[in-house]
Amino acid sequence: MDNVETQKVAIEQAEAVKTSANGKPKQAVTGVMPPQLGEALIREAWPTVVDSSATLSSVAKMLIRSVILAPVAWLLLAPLFIKKFLPFLAKRYTLTNRRVMIQHGLKPQPVKDVALADIDEVRLDAHGVDPFYLSGNLEIISKGQVVLTLTGVPEPEGFRHAILDSVKAWVPGKATGPFQPASAVGKV
């Protein structure tokens, strides 16, 4: 097949992709659509309450450990949970087949993003891990510098592997080493 025929097939495939009501392409399997056909959601994470207020969440953590003061801790955490789910204040971390983004708002708009092709490594910040809230901070490295920090990511190791696996799957020349699914973390 020559180059012209390949381009025609790619155009036909792009036209055949149907979109849902929100304008995003429908996928039979999440993250399988190639980036050439459109941007498709692979994974999305909502930051934990640690991201909203580290001080308030750490005080609440100490109070929850005591049976008597646990209701006070719940009252302290209530505004943080409400803030987390209010559509116009909500923050989310989105991984697509083209980039990793931090999005805000009722109709999520990217505030910061980094292309998968620019990602060299994703590190879990050892100081940002919080076993109580099951969250951690991820640092996305490009050209030896941290270009994006995701704070309070729930299940950070799984999200980290999802980013690295997406880079290996969709960026030509980045597939070094074996493919390791996020579900295989910690298995021997």
C-alpha atoms as a PDB file:
ATOM      1  CA  MET A   1       0.000   0.000   0.000  1.00  0.00           C
ATOM      2  CA  ASP A   2       1.476   3.328  -1.011  1.00  0.00           C
ATOM      3  CA  ASN A   3       1.421   6.538   1.008  1.00  0.00           C
ATOM      4  CA  VAL A   4      -1.650   8.007  -0.761  1.00  0.00           C
ATOM      5  CA  GLU A   5      -3.724   4.882  -0.113  1.00  0.00           C
ATOM      6  CA  THR A   6      -2.602   4.835   3.531  1.00  0.00           C
ATOM      7  CA  GLN A   7      -3.714   8.454   3.958  1.00  0.00           C
ATOM      8  CA  LYS A   8      -7.102   7.683   2.349  1.00  0.00           C
ATOM      9  CA  VAL A   9      -7.643   4.774   4.735  1.00  0.00           C
ATOM     10  CA  ALA A  10      -6.698   6.967   7.718  1.00  0.00           C
ATOM     11  CA  ILE A  11      -9.153   9.677   6.583  1.00  0.00           C
ATOM     12  CA  GLU A  12     -11.932   7.115   6.156  1.00  0.00           C
ATOM     13  CA  GLN A  13     -11.240   5.750   9.633  1.00  0.00           C
ATOM     14  CA  ALA A  14     -11.256   9.256  11.124  1.00  0.00           C
ATOM     15  CA  GLU A  15     -14.625  10.011   9.492  1.00  0.00           C
ATOM     16  CA  ALA A  16     -16.011   6.698  10.731  1.00  0.00           C
ATOM     17  CA  VAL A  17     -15.253   7.549  14.370  1.00  0.00           C
ATOM     18  CA  LYS A  18     -18.514   8.485  16.032  1.00  0.00           C
ATOM     19  CA  THR A  19     -18.685  11.001  18.811  1.00  0.00           C
ATOM     20  CA  SER A  20     -20.857  10.985  21.894  1.00  0.00           C
ATOM     21  CA  ALA A  21     -23.105  13.851  23.024  1.00  0.00           C
ATOM     22  CA  ASN A  22     -20.186  15.615  24.763  1.00  0.00           C
ATOM     23  CA  GLY A  23     -18.147  15.653  21.554  1.00  0.00           C
ATOM     24  CA  LYS A  24     -15.620  13.049  22.666  1.00  0.00           C
ATOM     25  CA  PRO A  25     -15.062   9.992  20.488  1.00  0.00           C
ATOM     26  CA  LYS A  26     -16.723   6.752  21.542  1.00  0.00           C
ATOM     27  CA  GLN A  27     -14.410   3.831  22.191  1.00  0.00           C
ATOM     28  CA  ALA A  28     -15.186   0.127  22.450  1.00  0.00           C
ATOM     29  CA  VAL A  29     -12.225  -0.288  24.792  1.00  0.00           C
ATOM     30  CA  THR A  30     -10.852   2.655  26.785  1.00  0.00           C
ATOM     31  CA  GLY A  31      -7.600   4.082  25.460  1.00  0.00           C
ATOM     32  CA  VAL A  32      -7.423   1.959  22.319  1.00  0.00           C
ATOM     33  CA  MET A  33      -8.116   4.715  19.807  1.00  0.00           C
ATOM     34  CA  PRO A  34      -4.866   5.851  18.169  1.00  0.00           C
ATOM     35  CA  PRO A  35      -3.943   9.516  18.690  1.00  0.00           C
ATOM     36  CA  GLN A  36      -4.027  10.123  14.932  1.00  0.00           C
ATOM     37  CA  LEU A  37      -7.819   9.639  14.952  1.00  0.00           C
ATOM     38  CA  GLY A  38      -8.547  11.866  17.932  1.00  0.00           C
ATOM     39  CA  GLU A  39      -7.937  12.447  21.607  1.00  0.00           C
ATOM     40  CA  ALA A  40      -9.534   9.803  23.800  1.00  0.00           C
ATOM     41  CA  LEU A  41      -9.783   9.471  27.549  1.00  0.00           C
ATOM     42  CA  ILE A  42      -7.705   6.696  29.112  1.00  0.00           C
ATOM     43  CA  ARG A  43      -8.014   7.472  32.817  1.00  0.00           C
ATOM     44  CA  GLU A  44      -9.215  10.241  35.089  1.00  0.00           C
ATOM     45  CA  ALA A  45      -8.508  10.807  38.791  1.00  0.00           C
ATOM     46  CA  TRP A  46      -9.982  13.285  41.245  1.00  0.00           C
ATOM     47  CA  PRO A  47      -7.461  14.457  43.841  1.00  0.00           C
ATOM     48  CA  THR A  48      -8.067  13.553  47.473  1.00  0.00           C
ATOM     49  CA  VAL A  49      -8.796  16.115  50.200  1.00  0.00           C
ATOM     50  CA  VAL A  50      -5.047  16.278  50.916  1.00  0.00           C
ATOM     51  CA  ASP A  51      -4.720  18.360  47.742  1.00  0.00           C
ATOM     52  CA  SER A  52      -7.236  20.960  48.980  1.00  0.00           C
ATOM     53  CA  SER A  53      -5.747  21.637  52.396  1.00  0.00           C
ATOM     54  CA  ALA A  54      -2.808  19.660  53.722  1.00  0.00           C
ATOM     55  CA  THR A  55      -3.015  21.284  57.151  1.00  0.00           C
ATOM     56  CA  LEU A  56      -6.734  20.704  57.667  1.00  0.00           C
ATOM     57  CA  SER A  57      -6.570  17.150  56.358  1.00  0.00           C
ATOM     58  CA  SER A  58      -3.632  16.292  58.661  1.00  0.00           C
ATOM     59  CA  VAL A  59      -5.509  17.679  61.706  1.00  0.00           C
ATOM     60  CA  ALA A  60      -8.570  15.661  60.689  1.00  0.00           C
ATOM     61  CA  LYS A  61      -6.396  12.563  60.312  1.00  0.00           C
ATOM     62  CA  MET A  62      -5.181  12.919  63.911  1.00  0.00           C
ATOM     63  CA  LEU A  63      -8.730  13.498  65.211  1.00  0.00           C
ATOM     64  CA  ILE A  64     -10.190  10.513  63.344  1.00  0.00           C
ATOM     65  CA  ARG A  65      -7.760   8.185  65.108  1.00  0.00           C
ATOM     66  CA  SER A  66      -9.482   9.008  68.406  1.00  0.00           C
ATOM     67  CA  VAL A  67     -12.980   7.594  68.705  1.00  0.00           C
ATOM     68  CA  ILE A  68     -14.356  10.554  70.653  1.00  0.00           C
ATOM     69  CA  LEU A  69     -13.095  13.319  68.317  1.00  0.00           C
ATOM     70  CA  ALA A  70     -13.849  11.539  65.017  1.00  0.00           C
ATOM     71  CA  PRO A  71     -17.127  13.468  64.458  1.00  0.00           C
ATOM     72  CA  VAL A  72     -15.196  16.733  64.795  1.00  0.00           C
ATOM     73  CA  ALA A  73     -12.805  15.492  62.100  1.00  0.00           C
ATOM     74  CA  TRP A  74     -15.717  14.650  59.813  1.00  0.00           C
ATOM     75  CA  LEU A  75     -17.038  18.183  60.242  1.00  0.00           C
ATOM     76  CA  LEU A  76     -13.585  19.577  59.385  1.00  0.00           C
ATOM     77  CA  LEU A  77     -13.386  17.416  56.258  1.00  0.00           C
ATOM     78  CA  ALA A  78     -16.949  18.138  55.063  1.00  0.00           C
ATOM     79  CA  PRO A  79     -16.105  21.455  53.322  1.00  0.00           C
ATOM     80  CA  LEU A  80     -13.117  19.826  51.597  1.00  0.00           C
ATOM     81  CA  PHE A  81     -15.288  17.001  50.264  1.00  0.00           C
ATOM     82  CA  ILE A  82     -17.926  19.482  49.104  1.00  0.00           C
ATOM     83  CA  LYS A  83     -15.233  21.537  47.362  1.00  0.00           C
ATOM     84  CA  LYS A  84     -13.886  18.384  45.738  1.00  0.00           C
ATOM     85  CA  PHE A  85     -17.201  17.597  44.049  1.00  0.00           C
ATOM     86  CA  LEU A  86     -18.558  21.060  43.231  1.00  0.00           C
ATOM     87  CA  PRO A  87     -18.454  21.154  39.442  1.00  0.00           C
ATOM     88  CA  PHE A  88     -17.147  24.723  39.103  1.00  0.00           C
ATOM     89  CA  LEU A  89     -14.367  24.169  41.685  1.00  0.00           C
ATOM     90  CA  ALA A  90     -13.529  20.558  40.920  1.00  0.00           C
ATOM     91  CA  LYS A  91     -10.042  19.615  39.816  1.00  0.00           C
ATOM     92  CA  ARG A  92      -9.242  16.412  37.955  1.00  0.00           C
ATOM     93  CA  TYR A  93      -6.198  14.749  36.485  1.00  0.00           C
ATOM     94  CA  THR A  94      -6.855  13.398  33.013  1.00  0.00           C
ATOM     95  CA  LEU A  95      -4.765  10.981  30.968  1.00  0.00           C
ATOM     96  CA  THR A  96      -5.566  10.744  27.265  1.00  0.00           C
ATOM     97  CA  ASN A  97      -3.865   9.053  24.355  1.00  0.00           C
ATOM     98  CA  ARG A  98      -2.090  12.361  23.620  1.00  0.00           C
ATOM     99  CA  ARG A  99      -1.356  14.091  26.955  1.00  0.00           C
ATOM    100  CA  VAL A 100      -1.676  14.340  30.733  1.00  0.00           C
ATOM    101  CA  MET A 101      -3.722  17.320  31.957  1.00  0.00           C
ATOM    102  CA  ILE A 102      -4.861  19.111  35.067  1.00  0.00           C
ATOM    103  CA  GLN A 103      -8.414  20.281  34.406  1.00  0.00           C
ATOM    104  CA  HIS A 104     -10.762  22.634  36.294  1.00  0.00           C
ATOM    105  CA  GLY A 105     -14.330  23.768  35.976  1.00  0.00           C
ATOM    106  CA  LEU A 106     -17.892  22.785  35.178  1.00  0.00           C
ATOM    107  CA  LYS A 107     -16.920  21.981  31.612  1.00  0.00           C
ATOM    108  CA  PRO A 108     -13.394  20.746  32.297  1.00  0.00           C
ATOM    109  CA  GLN A 109     -10.781  22.933  30.663  1.00  0.00           C
ATOM    110  CA  PRO A 110      -7.059  22.102  30.744  1.00  0.00           C
ATOM    111  CA  VAL A 111      -5.081  24.401  33.035  1.00  0.00           C
ATOM    112  CA  LYS A 112      -1.738  22.630  32.593  1.00  0.00           C
ATOM    113  CA  ASP A 113      -0.780  19.761  30.349  1.00  0.00           C
ATOM    114  CA  VAL A 114       2.173  17.840  29.008  1.00  0.00           C
ATOM    115  CA  ALA A 115       2.258  15.772  25.821  1.00  0.00           C
ATOM    116  CA  LEU A 116       2.974  12.049  26.145  1.00  0.00           C
ATOM    117  CA  ALA A 117       5.872  12.455  23.710  1.00  0.00           C
ATOM    118  CA  ASP A 118       7.571  14.872  26.142  1.00  0.00           C
ATOM    119  CA  ILE A 119       7.357  12.552  29.163  1.00  0.00           C
ATOM    120  CA  ASP A 120      10.627  10.847  30.108  1.00  0.00           C
ATOM    121  CA  GLU A 121       9.723   9.537  33.575  1.00  0.00           C
ATOM    122  CA  VAL A 122       6.984   9.688  36.189  1.00  0.00           C
ATOM    123  CA  ARG A 123       8.133   9.653  39.817  1.00  0.00           C
ATOM    124  CA  LEU A 124       6.203   9.054  42.994  1.00  0.00           C
ATOM    125  CA  ASP A 125       7.316  11.712  45.505  1.00  0.00           C
ATOM    126  CA  ALA A 126       8.246   9.803  48.683  1.00  0.00           C
ATOM    127  CA  HIS A 127       7.429  12.813  50.864  1.00  0.00           C
ATOM    128  CA  GLY A 128       3.974  13.230  49.331  1.00  0.00           C
ATOM    129  CA  VAL A 129       2.690   9.719  50.068  1.00  0.00           C
ATOM    130  CA  ASP A 130      -0.175   9.627  52.573  1.00  0.00           C
ATOM    131  CA  PRO A 131      -1.167   6.069  53.551  1.00  0.00           C
ATOM    132  CA  PHE A 132      -4.181   7.315  55.540  1.00  0.00           C
ATOM    133  CA  TYR A 133      -5.838   8.918  52.498  1.00  0.00           C
ATOM    134  CA  LEU A 134      -4.284   6.361  50.080  1.00  0.00           C
ATOM    135  CA  SER A 135      -2.810   9.147  47.982  1.00  0.00           C
ATOM    136  CA  GLY A 136       0.496  10.507  46.769  1.00  0.00           C
ATOM    137  CA  ASN A 137       2.148  13.143  44.618  1.00  0.00           C
ATOM    138  CA  LEU A 138       3.358  12.334  41.117  1.00  0.00           C
ATOM    139  CA  GLU A 139       6.083  14.302  39.355  1.00  0.00           C
ATOM    140  CA  ILE A 140       6.196  14.165  35.561  1.00  0.00           C
ATOM    141  CA  ILE A 141       9.757  14.556  34.269  1.00  0.00           C
ATOM    142  CA  SER A 142      10.689  15.945  30.866  1.00  0.00           C
ATOM    143  CA  LYS A 143      14.271  16.691  29.821  1.00  0.00           C
ATOM    144  CA  GLY A 144      15.507  16.216  33.386  1.00  0.00           C
ATOM    145  CA  GLN A 145      13.061  18.707  34.958  1.00  0.00           C
ATOM    146  CA  VAL A 146       9.698  18.394  36.676  1.00  0.00           C
ATOM    147  CA  VAL A 147       7.181  19.850  34.227  1.00  0.00           C
ATOM    148  CA  LEU A 148       3.967  18.830  35.996  1.00  0.00           C
ATOM    149  CA  THR A 149       3.154  17.842  39.582  1.00  0.00           C
ATOM    150  CA  LEU A 150      -0.051  16.003  40.393  1.00  0.00           C
ATOM    151  CA  THR A 151      -0.796  16.331  44.124  1.00  0.00           C
ATOM    152  CA  GLY A 152      -3.065  14.073  46.145  1.00  0.00           C
ATOM    153  CA  VAL A 153      -3.510  11.441  43.420  1.00  0.00           C
ATOM    154  CA  PRO A 154      -5.583   8.501  44.701  1.00  0.00           C
ATOM    155  CA  GLU A 155      -3.787   5.175  44.140  1.00  0.00           C
ATOM    156  CA  PRO A 156      -0.738   6.985  42.736  1.00  0.00           C
ATOM    157  CA  GLU A 157       1.243   3.916  41.699  1.00  0.00           C
ATOM    158  CA  GLY A 158      -1.567   2.703  39.429  1.00  0.00           C
ATOM    159  CA  PHE A 159      -1.949   6.148  37.831  1.00  0.00           C
ATOM    160  CA  ARG A 160       1.839   6.345  37.392  1.00  0.00           C
ATOM    161  CA  HIS A 161       1.890   3.023  35.543  1.00  0.00           C
ATOM    162  CA  ALA A 162      -1.077   4.061  33.410  1.00  0.00           C
ATOM    163  CA  ILE A 163       0.875   7.150  32.277  1.00  0.00           C
ATOM    164  CA  LEU A 164       4.054   5.167  31.571  1.00  0.00           C
ATOM    165  CA  ASP A 165       2.115   2.451  29.723  1.00  0.00           C
ATOM    166  CA  SER A 166       0.365   5.114  27.612  1.00  0.00           C
ATOM    167  CA  VAL A 167       3.735   6.628  26.704  1.00  0.00           C
ATOM    168  CA  LYS A 168       5.033   3.204  25.686  1.00  0.00           C
ATOM    169  CA  ALA A 169       1.887   2.413  23.703  1.00  0.00           C
ATOM    170  CA  TRP A 170       1.337   5.679  21.830  1.00  0.00           C
ATOM    171  CA  VAL A 171       4.719   7.391  21.437  1.00  0.00           C
ATOM    172  CA  PRO A 172       6.933   5.902  18.732  1.00  0.00           C
ATOM    173  CA  GLY A 173      10.414   5.032  20.013  1.00  0.00           C
ATOM    174  CA  LYS A 174       9.508   5.169  23.726  1.00  0.00           C
ATOM    175  CA  ALA A 175       8.566   1.503  24.078  1.00  0.00           C
ATOM    176  CA  THR A 176      11.638   0.276  25.941  1.00  0.00           C
ATOM    177  CA  GLY A 177      11.443  -2.759  28.163  1.00  0.00           C
ATOM    178  CA  PRO A 178       8.446  -4.995  28.745  1.00  0.00           C
ATOM    179  CA  PHE A 179       4.895  -3.696  28.948  1.00  0.00           C
ATOM    180  CA  GLN A 180       3.712  -3.904  32.569  1.00  0.00           C
ATOM    181  CA  PRO A 181       0.023  -3.351  33.221  1.00  0.00           C
ATOM    182  CA  ALA A 182      -0.932  -1.271  36.259  1.00  0.00           C
ATOM    183  CA  SER A 183      -2.738  -4.281  37.753  1.00  0.00           C
ATOM    184  CA  ALA A 184       0.582  -6.164  37.986  1.00  0.00           C
ATOM    185  CA  VAL A 185       2.115  -3.722  40.489  1.00  0.00           C
ATOM    186  CA  GLY A 186       3.352  -5.525  43.571  1.00  0.00           C
ATOM    187  CA  LYS A 187       2.926  -9.039  42.113  1.00  0.00           C
ATOM    188  CA  VAL A 188       5.932 -11.302  42.019  1.00  0.00           C
END
